[in-house]
């Protein structure tokens, strides 16, 4: 072995040592930079919660509005039919119809549904509504608006229309 081989070996060892030290320094710097990200998980959680929570709450609002409209239309049609049939013989058809409309409007108002959202239709499938044994039917249709979106001009934001029909037999 010559003296040149020893110099080359020492030189290589020095280069490898420098490379290892620089690598360790770079690794330490990167680990220190990772410590600078404190609080980022909180921000990520809040952003993800907002992105998921808003659509879920909006969906729940829509389902609740449809459910309220379904209950309101059922209650309003039942009350209107009962009020017409149980209105009494001494009242005329016009007054019984007006009382039925008022009862249906009150039932709709209990669920927070305005009369502008509902349509109340009275029908008599057998022809007349005044004789004993005649069937009196009331249909209530409720337009459910899309939550948090207002009507613009003539455009109505309708999610769904819910209807319910209730029939009673006229008894004297």
C-alpha atoms as a PDB file:
ATOM      1  CA  UNK A   1       0.000   0.000   0.000  1.00  0.00           C
ATOM      2  CA  UNK A   2       1.303   3.406  -0.877  1.00  0.00           C
ATOM      3  CA  UNK A   3       0.948   6.670   0.986  1.00  0.00           C
ATOM      4  CA  UNK A   4      -1.378   7.950  -1.721  1.00  0.00           C
ATOM      5  CA  UNK A   5      -3.902   5.223  -0.876  1.00  0.00           C
ATOM      6  CA  UNK A   6      -4.016   6.454   2.725  1.00  0.00           C
ATOM      7  CA  UNK A   7      -4.608  10.063   1.615  1.00  0.00           C
ATOM      8  CA  UNK A   8      -7.445   9.043  -0.706  1.00  0.00           C
ATOM      9  CA  UNK A   9      -9.061   6.982   2.046  1.00  0.00           C
ATOM     10  CA  UNK A  10      -8.886   9.879   4.538  1.00  0.00           C
ATOM     11  CA  UNK A  11     -10.268  12.255   1.925  1.00  0.00           C
ATOM     12  CA  UNK A  12     -13.201   9.916   1.188  1.00  0.00           C
ATOM     13  CA  UNK A  13     -13.898   9.492   4.897  1.00  0.00           C
ATOM     14  CA  UNK A  14     -13.923  13.286   5.316  1.00  0.00           C
ATOM     15  CA  UNK A  15     -16.349  13.714   2.383  1.00  0.00           C
ATOM     16  CA  UNK A  16     -18.651  11.001   3.697  1.00  0.00           C
ATOM     17  CA  UNK A  17     -18.513  12.552   7.193  1.00  0.00           C
ATOM     18  CA  UNK A  18     -19.434  15.994   5.797  1.00  0.00           C
ATOM     19  CA  UNK A  19     -22.279  14.496   3.799  1.00  0.00           C
ATOM     20  CA  UNK A  20     -23.636  12.734   6.890  1.00  0.00           C
ATOM     21  CA  UNK A  21     -23.396  15.929   8.987  1.00  0.00           C
ATOM     22  CA  UNK A  22     -25.179  17.973   6.303  1.00  0.00           C
ATOM     23  CA  UNK A  23     -27.859  15.315   6.005  1.00  0.00           C
ATOM     24  CA  UNK A  24     -28.368  15.356   9.779  1.00  0.00           C
ATOM     25  CA  UNK A  25     -28.604  19.167   9.773  1.00  0.00           C
ATOM     26  CA  UNK A  26     -31.169  19.123   6.964  1.00  0.00           C
ATOM     27  CA  UNK A  27     -33.169  16.484   8.817  1.00  0.00           C
ATOM     28  CA  UNK A  28     -33.096  18.528  12.038  1.00  0.00           C
ATOM     29  CA  UNK A  29     -34.236  21.640  10.156  1.00  0.00           C
ATOM     30  CA  UNK A  30     -37.131  19.758   8.603  1.00  0.00           C
ATOM     31  CA  UNK A  31     -38.156  18.392  11.987  1.00  0.00           C
ATOM     32  CA  UNK A  32     -38.044  21.893  13.456  1.00  0.00           C
ATOM     33  CA  UNK A  33     -40.184  23.184  10.589  1.00  0.00           C
ATOM     34  CA  UNK A  34     -42.752  20.490  11.399  1.00  0.00           C
ATOM     35  CA  UNK A  35     -43.057  22.013  14.861  1.00  0.00           C
ATOM     36  CA  UNK A  36     -44.076  25.300  13.264  1.00  0.00           C
ATOM     37  CA  UNK A  37     -47.352  23.688  12.108  1.00  0.00           C
ATOM     38  CA  UNK A  38     -48.896  23.761  15.572  1.00  0.00           C
ATOM     39  CA  UNK A  39     -52.622  24.443  15.384  1.00  0.00           C
ATOM     40  CA  UNK A  40     -53.004  23.290  11.796  1.00  0.00           C
ATOM     41  CA  UNK A  41     -55.040  20.254  12.836  1.00  0.00           C
ATOM     42  CA  UNK A  42     -57.530  22.556  14.550  1.00  0.00           C
ATOM     43  CA  UNK A  43     -57.907  24.603  11.378  1.00  0.00           C
ATOM     44  CA  UNK A  44     -58.310  21.463   9.280  1.00  0.00           C
ATOM     45  CA  UNK A  45     -60.962  20.155  11.681  1.00  0.00           C
ATOM     46  CA  UNK A  46     -62.915  23.413  11.579  1.00  0.00           C
ATOM     47  CA  UNK A  47     -62.803  23.597   7.782  1.00  0.00           C
ATOM     48  CA  UNK A  48     -63.881  19.980   7.405  1.00  0.00           C
ATOM     49  CA  UNK A  49     -66.651  20.411   9.977  1.00  0.00           C
ATOM     50  CA  UNK A  50     -67.978  23.472   8.167  1.00  0.00           C
ATOM     51  CA  UNK A  51     -67.850  21.750   4.795  1.00  0.00           C
ATOM     52  CA  UNK A  52     -69.762  18.752   6.124  1.00  0.00           C
ATOM     53  CA  UNK A  53     -72.005  20.453   8.651  1.00  0.00           C
ATOM     54  CA  UNK A  54     -73.589  23.029   6.358  1.00  0.00           C
ATOM     55  CA  UNK A  55     -75.021  20.492   3.849  1.00  0.00           C
ATOM     56  CA  UNK A  56     -76.223  18.218   6.662  1.00  0.00           C
ATOM     57  CA  UNK A  57     -78.041  21.068   8.435  1.00  0.00           C
ATOM     58  CA  UNK A  58     -79.546  22.205   5.121  1.00  0.00           C
ATOM     59  CA  UNK A  59     -80.776  18.665   4.434  1.00  0.00           C
ATOM     60  CA  UNK A  60     -82.328  18.446   7.903  1.00  0.00           C
ATOM     61  CA  UNK A  61     -84.102  21.790   7.354  1.00  0.00           C
ATOM     62  CA  UNK A  62     -85.569  20.494   4.091  1.00  0.00           C
ATOM     63  CA  UNK A  63     -86.759  17.226   5.617  1.00  0.00           C
ATOM     64  CA  UNK A  64     -88.285  19.071   8.585  1.00  0.00           C
ATOM     65  CA  UNK A  65     -90.168  21.436   6.255  1.00  0.00           C
ATOM     66  CA  UNK A  66     -91.586  18.523   4.245  1.00  0.00           C
ATOM     67  CA  UNK A  67     -92.594  16.675   7.428  1.00  0.00           C
ATOM     68  CA  UNK A  68     -94.311  19.763   8.842  1.00  0.00           C
ATOM     69  CA  UNK A  69     -96.185  20.265   5.578  1.00  0.00           C
ATOM     70  CA  UNK A  70     -97.319  16.621   5.560  1.00  0.00           C
ATOM     71  CA  UNK A  71     -98.668  16.848   9.118  1.00  0.00           C
ATOM     72  CA  UNK A  72    -100.253  20.222   8.442  1.00  0.00           C
ATOM     73  CA  UNK A  73    -102.045  19.099   5.288  1.00  0.00           C
ATOM     74  CA  UNK A  74    -103.377  15.988   7.025  1.00  0.00           C
ATOM     75  CA  UNK A  75    -104.607  17.934  10.048  1.00  0.00           C
ATOM     76  CA  UNK A  76    -106.128  20.697   7.938  1.00  0.00           C
ATOM     77  CA  UNK A  77    -108.047  18.324   5.666  1.00  0.00           C
ATOM     78  CA  UNK A  78    -109.365  16.353   8.657  1.00  0.00           C
ATOM     79  CA  UNK A  79    -110.472  19.483  10.502  1.00  0.00           C
ATOM     80  CA  UNK A  80    -112.121  20.979   7.429  1.00  0.00           C
ATOM     81  CA  UNK A  81    -114.136  17.824   6.700  1.00  0.00           C
ATOM     82  CA  UNK A  82    -115.225  17.456  10.330  1.00  0.00           C
ATOM     83  CA  UNK A  83    -116.237  21.101  10.618  1.00  0.00           C
ATOM     84  CA  UNK A  84    -118.372  20.842   7.483  1.00  0.00           C
ATOM     85  CA  UNK A  85    -120.131  17.662   8.540  1.00  0.00           C
ATOM     86  CA  UNK A  86    -120.584  18.650  12.204  1.00  0.00           C
ATOM     87  CA  UNK A  87    -121.475  22.258  11.368  1.00  0.00           C
ATOM     88  CA  UNK A  88    -125.147  21.716  12.161  1.00  0.00           C
ATOM     89  CA  UNK A  89    -128.274  21.558  10.070  1.00  0.00           C
ATOM     90  CA  UNK A  90    -129.319  25.111  10.921  1.00  0.00           C
ATOM     91  CA  UNK A  91    -126.276  26.535   9.096  1.00  0.00           C
ATOM     92  CA  UNK A  92    -126.260  26.996   5.352  1.00  0.00           C
ATOM     93  CA  UNK A  93    -123.732  25.416   3.021  1.00  0.00           C
ATOM     94  CA  UNK A  94    -121.878  28.708   2.582  1.00  0.00           C
ATOM     95  CA  UNK A  95    -121.393  29.251   6.299  1.00  0.00           C
ATOM     96  CA  UNK A  96    -120.303  25.640   6.872  1.00  0.00           C
ATOM     97  CA  UNK A  97    -117.830  25.979   4.006  1.00  0.00           C
ATOM     98  CA  UNK A  98    -116.450  29.207   5.498  1.00  0.00           C
ATOM     99  CA  UNK A  99    -116.079  27.550   8.930  1.00  0.00           C
ATOM    100  CA  UNK A 100    -114.291  24.607   7.286  1.00  0.00           C
ATOM    101  CA  UNK A 101    -111.912  26.963   5.494  1.00  0.00           C
ATOM    102  CA  UNK A 102    -111.215  28.780   8.784  1.00  0.00           C
ATOM    103  CA  UNK A 103    -110.548  25.478  10.590  1.00  0.00           C
ATOM    104  CA  UNK A 104    -108.158  24.370   7.851  1.00  0.00           C
ATOM    105  CA  UNK A 105    -106.360  27.731   7.946  1.00  0.00           C
ATOM    106  CA  UNK A 106    -105.989  27.475  11.730  1.00  0.00           C
ATOM    107  CA  UNK A 107    -104.565  23.944  11.441  1.00  0.00           C
ATOM    108  CA  UNK A 108    -102.075  25.123   8.818  1.00  0.00           C
ATOM    109  CA  UNK A 109    -101.136  28.117  10.959  1.00  0.00           C
ATOM    110  CA  UNK A 110    -100.335  25.785  13.876  1.00  0.00           C
ATOM    111  CA  UNK A 111     -97.500  24.356  11.773  1.00  0.00           C
ATOM    112  CA  UNK A 112     -96.272  27.756  10.611  1.00  0.00           C
ATOM    113  CA  UNK A 113     -97.651  27.379   7.098  1.00  0.00           C
ATOM    114  CA  UNK A 114     -99.278  30.450   5.603  1.00  0.00           C
ATOM    115  CA  UNK A 115    -102.437  30.395   3.543  1.00  0.00           C
ATOM    116  CA  UNK A 116    -100.416  31.582   0.537  1.00  0.00           C
ATOM    117  CA  UNK A 117     -98.578  28.227   0.572  1.00  0.00           C
ATOM    118  CA  UNK A 118    -101.746  26.106   0.743  1.00  0.00           C
ATOM    119  CA  UNK A 119    -104.730  25.418  -1.439  1.00  0.00           C
ATOM    120  CA  UNK A 120    -107.924  24.040   0.128  1.00  0.00           C
ATOM    121  CA  UNK A 121    -110.329  22.262  -2.228  1.00  0.00           C
ATOM    122  CA  UNK A 122    -113.776  20.964  -1.265  1.00  0.00           C
ATOM    123  CA  UNK A 123    -115.445  18.275  -3.348  1.00  0.00           C
ATOM    124  CA  UNK A 124    -118.478  16.073  -3.131  1.00  0.00           C
ATOM    125  CA  UNK A 125    -117.800  12.821  -5.014  1.00  0.00           C
ATOM    126  CA  UNK A 126    -121.422  11.629  -4.874  1.00  0.00           C
ATOM    127  CA  UNK A 127    -122.784  14.866  -6.306  1.00  0.00           C
ATOM    128  CA  UNK A 128    -124.404  16.723  -3.409  1.00  0.00           C
ATOM    129  CA  UNK A 129    -123.019  17.671  -0.017  1.00  0.00           C
ATOM    130  CA  UNK A 130    -126.195  18.512   1.919  1.00  0.00           C
ATOM    131  CA  UNK A 131    -128.165  15.264   2.198  1.00  0.00           C
ATOM    132  CA  UNK A 132    -127.669  12.476   4.726  1.00  0.00           C
ATOM    133  CA  UNK A 133    -125.138   9.908   3.485  1.00  0.00           C
ATOM    134  CA  UNK A 134    -123.388  12.316   1.117  1.00  0.00           C
ATOM    135  CA  UNK A 135    -119.597  12.221   1.205  1.00  0.00           C
ATOM    136  CA  UNK A 136    -117.762  15.509   1.718  1.00  0.00           C
ATOM    137  CA  UNK A 137    -114.056  15.520   0.870  1.00  0.00           C
ATOM    138  CA  UNK A 138    -111.453  18.195   1.493  1.00  0.00           C
ATOM    139  CA  UNK A 139    -108.063  18.177  -0.211  1.00  0.00           C
ATOM    140  CA  UNK A 140    -105.284  20.387   1.129  1.00  0.00           C
ATOM    141  CA  UNK A 141    -102.201  20.931  -1.021  1.00  0.00           C
ATOM    142  CA  UNK A 142     -99.192  22.587   0.599  1.00  0.00           C
ATOM    143  CA  UNK A 143     -96.291  23.984  -1.414  1.00  0.00           C
ATOM    144  CA  UNK A 144     -93.036  23.481   0.508  1.00  0.00           C
ATOM    145  CA  UNK A 145     -90.443  26.137  -0.363  1.00  0.00           C
ATOM    146  CA  UNK A 146     -86.734  25.376  -0.602  1.00  0.00           C
ATOM    147  CA  UNK A 147     -85.220  26.333   2.778  1.00  0.00           C
ATOM    148  CA  UNK A 148     -83.444  29.689   2.996  1.00  0.00           C
ATOM    149  CA  UNK A 149     -84.102  30.576  -0.662  1.00  0.00           C
ATOM    150  CA  UNK A 150     -86.637  33.382  -1.164  1.00  0.00           C
ATOM    151  CA  UNK A 151     -89.087  33.691  -4.030  1.00  0.00           C
ATOM    152  CA  UNK A 152     -87.844  36.121  -6.662  1.00  0.00           C
ATOM    153  CA  UNK A 153     -90.526  37.916  -8.616  1.00  0.00           C
ATOM    154  CA  UNK A 154     -92.840  35.362 -10.182  1.00  0.00           C
ATOM    155  CA  UNK A 155     -90.377  32.500  -9.594  1.00  0.00           C
ATOM    156  CA  UNK A 156     -91.319  30.330  -6.628  1.00  0.00           C
ATOM    157  CA  UNK A 157     -88.698  28.117  -5.052  1.00  0.00           C
ATOM    158  CA  UNK A 158     -90.682  24.929  -4.478  1.00  0.00           C
ATOM    159  CA  UNK A 159     -89.039  21.865  -2.992  1.00  0.00           C
ATOM    160  CA  UNK A 160     -92.127  19.644  -3.160  1.00  0.00           C
ATOM    161  CA  UNK A 161     -95.920  19.848  -2.988  1.00  0.00           C
ATOM    162  CA  UNK A 162     -97.602  17.764  -0.299  1.00  0.00           C
ATOM    163  CA  UNK A 163    -101.309  16.955  -0.419  1.00  0.00           C
ATOM    164  CA  UNK A 164    -103.788  15.186   1.805  1.00  0.00           C
ATOM    165  CA  UNK A 165    -107.457  14.291   1.355  1.00  0.00           C
ATOM    166  CA  UNK A 166    -109.958  13.610   4.084  1.00  0.00           C
ATOM    167  CA  UNK A 167    -113.575  12.565   3.610  1.00  0.00           C
ATOM    168  CA  UNK A 168    -116.530  12.519   6.011  1.00  0.00           C
ATOM    169  CA  UNK A 169    -120.080  11.260   5.595  1.00  0.00           C
ATOM    170  CA  UNK A 170    -122.844  13.803   6.051  1.00  0.00           C
ATOM    171  CA  UNK A 171    -125.193  12.672   8.845  1.00  0.00           C
ATOM    172  CA  UNK A 172    -128.386  14.404   9.870  1.00  0.00           C
END
